[in-house]
Amino acid sequence: MSNKLRFRSGQVELHKVRVDSGTVIEAGDLVWLDTNDAKPAKDFAWTTDLATTQGNFAAVFLGVAHQSSAVGETADISVDLSPFSVYEFDVDSATYEVGSLLGPDNL
């Protein structure tokens, strides 16, 4: 997986998900479901403000990509859909508590 996200523990539940040929996904990307295919968080449209955009992203959040997909590739990729998986990823410096809700920024 990429340096930005690391699997730590828990039960992984991998599912094969369709990816469009023009979409680039790296292993470790947070992905969302766009109609019938997966797209990385970086491709999610900004709406109004950060809180609104993160809420909209949460509504279509799919999981964590375990495989990459380069431009031109159309093979399904494995995505972890398990709510029991624990991942570690880089965040802005702050204090977080167990149960704190986090979401991607700079979408």
N, C-alpha and C. Protein backbone atom coordinates (compact mmCIF):
# COMPACT_ATOMS: atom_id res chain seq x y z
N MET A 1 0.83 -1.18 0.00
CA MET A 1 0.00 0.00 0.00
C MET A 1 0.88 1.24 0.00
N SER A 2 0.26 2.33 -0.31
CA SER A 2 1.00 3.59 -0.39
C SER A 2 1.44 4.05 0.99
N ASN A 3 2.33 5.04 1.02
CA ASN A 3 2.81 5.57 2.29
C ASN A 3 1.74 6.31 3.06
N LYS A 4 0.69 6.76 2.40
CA LYS A 4 -0.32 7.56 3.06
C LYS A 4 -1.29 6.75 3.89
N LEU A 5 -1.39 5.45 3.67
CA LEU A 5 -2.36 4.63 4.38
C LEU A 5 -1.77 3.24 4.61
N ARG A 6 -1.86 2.76 5.85
CA ARG A 6 -1.32 1.45 6.19
C ARG A 6 -2.34 0.62 6.95
N PHE A 7 -2.51 -0.62 6.56
CA PHE A 7 -3.40 -1.54 7.27
C PHE A 7 -2.76 -1.89 8.60
N ARG A 8 -3.55 -1.87 9.66
CA ARG A 8 -3.03 -2.19 10.99
C ARG A 8 -3.60 -3.49 11.55
N SER A 9 -4.92 -3.66 11.51
CA SER A 9 -5.51 -4.86 12.08
C SER A 9 -6.97 -4.97 11.66
N GLY A 10 -7.60 -6.04 12.11
CA GLY A 10 -9.02 -6.22 11.85
C GLY A 10 -9.30 -7.18 10.72
N GLN A 11 -10.57 -7.39 10.50
CA GLN A 11 -11.04 -8.30 9.47
C GLN A 11 -11.20 -7.54 8.15
N VAL A 12 -10.48 -7.97 7.13
CA VAL A 12 -10.55 -7.36 5.81
C VAL A 12 -11.63 -8.09 5.00
N GLU A 13 -12.45 -7.34 4.29
CA GLU A 13 -13.48 -7.92 3.44
C GLU A 13 -13.31 -7.33 2.04
N LEU A 14 -12.56 -8.07 1.20
CA LEU A 14 -12.25 -7.57 -0.14
C LEU A 14 -13.36 -7.90 -1.13
N HIS A 15 -13.70 -6.90 -1.93
CA HIS A 15 -14.67 -7.07 -3.01
C HIS A 15 -14.06 -6.52 -4.28
N LYS A 16 -14.35 -7.15 -5.39
CA LYS A 16 -13.90 -6.66 -6.69
C LYS A 16 -14.85 -5.56 -7.14
N VAL A 17 -14.27 -4.42 -7.54
CA VAL A 17 -15.05 -3.25 -7.92
C VAL A 17 -14.59 -2.77 -9.29
N ARG A 18 -15.52 -2.37 -10.10
CA ARG A 18 -15.24 -1.87 -11.46
C ARG A 18 -14.56 -0.52 -11.40
N VAL A 19 -13.66 -0.29 -12.36
CA VAL A 19 -12.95 0.99 -12.50
C VAL A 19 -13.00 1.39 -13.97
N ASP A 20 -13.34 2.66 -14.25
CA ASP A 20 -13.32 3.16 -15.63
C ASP A 20 -11.89 3.25 -16.14
N SER A 21 -11.72 3.18 -17.46
CA SER A 21 -10.38 3.20 -18.05
C SER A 21 -9.64 4.51 -17.82
N GLY A 22 -10.34 5.60 -17.61
CA GLY A 22 -9.70 6.89 -17.40
C GLY A 22 -9.41 7.22 -15.95
N THR A 23 -9.71 6.32 -15.04
CA THR A 23 -9.54 6.56 -13.61
C THR A 23 -8.22 5.96 -13.12
N VAL A 24 -7.48 6.73 -12.32
CA VAL A 24 -6.23 6.26 -11.71
C VAL A 24 -6.47 6.08 -10.22
N ILE A 25 -6.23 4.87 -9.74
CA ILE A 25 -6.37 4.56 -8.32
C ILE A 25 -5.09 3.90 -7.86
N GLU A 26 -4.59 4.34 -6.70
CA GLU A 26 -3.41 3.72 -6.09
C GLU A 26 -3.86 2.86 -4.92
N ALA A 27 -3.13 1.78 -4.67
CA ALA A 27 -3.41 0.97 -3.48
C ALA A 27 -3.29 1.89 -2.26
N GLY A 28 -4.28 1.83 -1.39
CA GLY A 28 -4.30 2.68 -0.21
C GLY A 28 -5.19 3.89 -0.35
N ASP A 29 -5.67 4.17 -1.55
CA ASP A 29 -6.59 5.30 -1.75
C ASP A 29 -7.94 5.02 -1.09
N LEU A 30 -8.54 6.05 -0.51
CA LEU A 30 -9.93 5.97 -0.11
C LEU A 30 -10.74 6.13 -1.39
N VAL A 31 -11.72 5.23 -1.60
CA VAL A 31 -12.49 5.29 -2.84
C VAL A 31 -13.98 5.43 -2.55
N TRP A 32 -14.68 5.98 -3.53
CA TRP A 32 -16.12 6.18 -3.42
C TRP A 32 -16.80 5.58 -4.64
N LEU A 33 -18.09 5.32 -4.51
CA LEU A 33 -18.85 4.71 -5.59
C LEU A 33 -19.54 5.80 -6.41
N ASP A 34 -19.15 5.90 -7.67
CA ASP A 34 -19.73 6.85 -8.60
C ASP A 34 -20.60 6.08 -9.58
N THR A 35 -21.87 5.98 -9.31
CA THR A 35 -22.86 5.23 -10.09
C THR A 35 -22.55 3.74 -10.10
N ASN A 36 -21.58 3.30 -10.90
CA ASN A 36 -21.29 1.86 -10.98
C ASN A 36 -19.80 1.55 -11.00
N ASP A 37 -18.96 2.51 -10.59
CA ASP A 37 -17.53 2.25 -10.58
C ASP A 37 -16.87 3.04 -9.45
N ALA A 38 -15.67 2.58 -9.09
CA ALA A 38 -14.92 3.22 -8.00
C ALA A 38 -14.08 4.37 -8.51
N LYS A 39 -13.97 5.41 -7.69
CA LYS A 39 -13.11 6.54 -7.99
C LYS A 39 -12.40 6.95 -6.71
N PRO A 40 -11.17 7.50 -6.83
CA PRO A 40 -10.44 7.90 -5.64
C PRO A 40 -11.01 9.20 -5.05
N ALA A 41 -10.78 9.41 -3.76
CA ALA A 41 -11.28 10.61 -3.07
C ALA A 41 -10.85 11.88 -3.78
N LYS A 42 -9.66 11.88 -4.37
CA LYS A 42 -9.16 13.10 -5.03
C LYS A 42 -10.03 13.51 -6.21
N ASP A 43 -10.85 12.60 -6.75
CA ASP A 43 -11.72 12.91 -7.88
C ASP A 43 -13.13 13.32 -7.45
N PHE A 44 -13.36 13.44 -6.14
CA PHE A 44 -14.68 13.81 -5.64
C PHE A 44 -14.88 15.32 -5.77
N ALA A 45 -16.03 15.73 -6.23
CA ALA A 45 -16.29 17.16 -6.47
C ALA A 45 -16.47 17.95 -5.18
N TRP A 46 -15.86 19.12 -5.12
CA TRP A 46 -16.00 20.06 -4.00
C TRP A 46 -17.40 20.66 -4.04
N THR A 47 -18.03 20.78 -2.86
CA THR A 47 -19.36 21.36 -2.76
C THR A 47 -19.43 22.34 -1.60
N THR A 48 -19.70 23.56 -1.82
CA THR A 48 -19.96 24.61 -0.83
C THR A 48 -18.79 24.85 0.13
N ASP A 49 -18.54 23.88 1.03
CA ASP A 49 -17.47 24.02 2.03
C ASP A 49 -16.96 22.64 2.41
N LEU A 50 -15.92 22.60 3.25
CA LEU A 50 -15.30 21.33 3.62
C LEU A 50 -16.28 20.39 4.31
N ALA A 51 -17.04 20.90 5.29
CA ALA A 51 -17.97 20.05 6.03
C ALA A 51 -19.02 19.43 5.10
N THR A 52 -19.57 20.21 4.20
CA THR A 52 -20.58 19.71 3.26
C THR A 52 -19.96 18.68 2.33
N THR A 53 -18.78 18.98 1.82
CA THR A 53 -18.11 18.06 0.89
C THR A 53 -17.79 16.74 1.59
N GLN A 54 -17.28 16.81 2.83
CA GLN A 54 -16.97 15.58 3.56
C GLN A 54 -18.23 14.77 3.86
N GLY A 55 -19.32 15.44 4.17
CA GLY A 55 -20.59 14.75 4.40
C GLY A 55 -21.08 14.05 3.15
N ASN A 56 -20.98 14.73 2.02
CA ASN A 56 -21.38 14.13 0.75
C ASN A 56 -20.49 12.94 0.40
N PHE A 57 -19.18 13.07 0.69
CA PHE A 57 -18.25 11.97 0.42
C PHE A 57 -18.59 10.77 1.31
N ALA A 58 -18.89 11.01 2.57
CA ALA A 58 -19.23 9.92 3.49
C ALA A 58 -20.44 9.12 2.99
N ALA A 59 -21.37 9.80 2.35
CA ALA A 59 -22.58 9.13 1.86
C ALA A 59 -22.30 8.15 0.72
N VAL A 60 -21.20 8.34 0.00
CA VAL A 60 -20.87 7.44 -1.11
C VAL A 60 -19.54 6.70 -0.90
N PHE A 61 -18.97 6.83 0.31
CA PHE A 61 -17.70 6.16 0.63
C PHE A 61 -17.84 4.66 0.44
N LEU A 62 -16.87 4.08 -0.24
CA LEU A 62 -16.89 2.65 -0.53
C LEU A 62 -15.91 1.88 0.34
N GLY A 63 -14.65 2.32 0.40
CA GLY A 63 -13.67 1.61 1.19
C GLY A 63 -12.26 2.00 0.82
N VAL A 64 -11.32 1.09 1.07
CA VAL A 64 -9.90 1.33 0.84
C VAL A 64 -9.41 0.41 -0.28
N ALA A 65 -8.82 1.00 -1.30
CA ALA A 65 -8.31 0.22 -2.43
C ALA A 65 -7.11 -0.61 -2.00
N HIS A 66 -7.10 -1.87 -2.36
CA HIS A 66 -5.97 -2.75 -2.10
C HIS A 66 -5.17 -3.03 -3.36
N GLN A 67 -5.67 -2.56 -4.50
CA GLN A 67 -4.98 -2.72 -5.77
C GLN A 67 -4.99 -1.39 -6.51
N SER A 68 -4.01 -1.24 -7.38
CA SER A 68 -3.92 -0.03 -8.21
C SER A 68 -4.62 -0.25 -9.53
N SER A 69 -4.95 0.86 -10.17
CA SER A 69 -5.52 0.84 -11.52
C SER A 69 -4.96 2.04 -12.27
N ALA A 70 -4.18 1.79 -13.30
CA ALA A 70 -3.57 2.85 -14.08
C ALA A 70 -4.51 3.29 -15.20
N VAL A 71 -4.21 4.42 -15.81
CA VAL A 71 -5.00 4.90 -16.95
C VAL A 71 -5.01 3.83 -18.03
N GLY A 72 -6.18 3.57 -18.56
CA GLY A 72 -6.33 2.57 -19.62
C GLY A 72 -6.69 1.19 -19.12
N GLU A 73 -6.49 0.92 -17.83
CA GLU A 73 -6.84 -0.39 -17.28
C GLU A 73 -8.33 -0.43 -16.95
N THR A 74 -8.95 -1.56 -17.22
CA THR A 74 -10.37 -1.70 -16.93
C THR A 74 -10.68 -2.90 -16.04
N ALA A 75 -9.64 -3.59 -15.59
CA ALA A 75 -9.85 -4.75 -14.72
C ALA A 75 -10.37 -4.29 -13.36
N ASP A 76 -11.27 -5.07 -12.78
CA ASP A 76 -11.78 -4.77 -11.45
C ASP A 76 -10.63 -4.79 -10.44
N ILE A 77 -10.74 -3.98 -9.39
CA ILE A 77 -9.72 -3.95 -8.34
C ILE A 77 -10.34 -4.41 -7.02
N SER A 78 -9.50 -4.87 -6.11
CA SER A 78 -9.95 -5.27 -4.78
C SER A 78 -10.04 -4.05 -3.88
N VAL A 79 -11.19 -3.91 -3.21
CA VAL A 79 -11.43 -2.82 -2.28
C VAL A 79 -11.92 -3.42 -0.97
N ASP A 80 -11.35 -2.97 0.14
CA ASP A 80 -11.76 -3.43 1.47
C ASP A 80 -13.00 -2.67 1.89
N LEU A 81 -14.12 -3.38 2.02
CA LEU A 81 -15.39 -2.77 2.43
C LEU A 81 -15.71 -3.03 3.90
N SER A 82 -14.81 -3.67 4.62
CA SER A 82 -15.08 -4.07 6.00
C SER A 82 -15.13 -2.89 6.96
N PRO A 83 -16.15 -2.85 7.80
CA PRO A 83 -16.19 -1.82 8.85
C PRO A 83 -15.29 -2.18 10.04
N PHE A 84 -14.67 -3.35 10.00
CA PHE A 84 -13.84 -3.82 11.10
C PHE A 84 -12.35 -3.69 10.83
N SER A 85 -11.96 -3.21 9.67
CA SER A 85 -10.55 -3.01 9.36
C SER A 85 -10.07 -1.73 10.01
N VAL A 86 -8.80 -1.75 10.46
CA VAL A 86 -8.20 -0.57 11.08
C VAL A 86 -7.00 -0.16 10.22
N TYR A 87 -7.01 1.08 9.79
CA TYR A 87 -5.94 1.63 8.97
C TYR A 87 -5.31 2.82 9.68
N GLU A 88 -4.07 3.06 9.39
CA GLU A 88 -3.36 4.23 9.90
C GLU A 88 -3.00 5.10 8.70
N PHE A 89 -3.28 6.40 8.80
CA PHE A 89 -2.88 7.28 7.73
C PHE A 89 -2.50 8.63 8.27
N ASP A 90 -1.72 9.36 7.48
CA ASP A 90 -1.21 10.65 7.89
C ASP A 90 -2.35 11.66 8.00
N VAL A 91 -2.31 12.46 9.07
CA VAL A 91 -3.30 13.51 9.28
C VAL A 91 -2.58 14.78 9.73
N ASP A 92 -3.29 15.89 9.67
CA ASP A 92 -2.74 17.13 10.20
C ASP A 92 -2.49 16.97 11.68
N SER A 93 -1.51 17.68 12.19
CA SER A 93 -1.16 17.60 13.59
C SER A 93 -2.32 18.10 14.46
N ALA A 94 -2.78 17.26 15.35
CA ALA A 94 -3.87 17.59 16.28
C ALA A 94 -4.03 16.42 17.24
N THR A 95 -4.95 16.56 18.17
CA THR A 95 -5.25 15.49 19.11
C THR A 95 -6.57 14.86 18.70
N TYR A 96 -6.58 13.55 18.52
CA TYR A 96 -7.79 12.83 18.13
C TYR A 96 -8.10 11.80 19.19
N GLU A 97 -9.37 11.58 19.43
CA GLU A 97 -9.84 10.58 20.38
C GLU A 97 -10.43 9.40 19.61
N VAL A 98 -10.49 8.24 20.27
CA VAL A 98 -11.15 7.09 19.67
C VAL A 98 -12.60 7.50 19.39
N GLY A 99 -13.04 7.25 18.18
CA GLY A 99 -14.40 7.61 17.79
C GLY A 99 -14.51 8.96 17.10
N SER A 100 -13.40 9.70 17.03
CA SER A 100 -13.42 10.98 16.31
C SER A 100 -13.70 10.71 14.84
N LEU A 101 -14.60 11.51 14.27
CA LEU A 101 -14.89 11.36 12.85
C LEU A 101 -13.87 12.13 12.04
N LEU A 102 -13.26 11.46 11.08
CA LEU A 102 -12.27 12.08 10.20
C LEU A 102 -12.70 11.87 8.76
N GLY A 103 -12.28 12.75 7.90
CA GLY A 103 -12.59 12.61 6.48
C GLY A 103 -11.50 13.25 5.66
N PRO A 104 -11.42 12.90 4.39
CA PRO A 104 -10.39 13.48 3.53
C PRO A 104 -10.62 14.97 3.34
N ASP A 105 -9.53 15.71 3.19
CA ASP A 105 -9.67 17.13 2.85
C ASP A 105 -9.02 17.34 1.49
N ASN A 106 -9.02 18.57 1.03
CA ASN A 106 -8.47 18.90 -0.29
C ASN A 106 -9.07 18.04 -1.39
N LEU A 107 -10.35 17.77 -1.28
CA LEU A 107 -11.02 16.93 -2.28
C LEU A 107 -11.14 17.67 -3.58
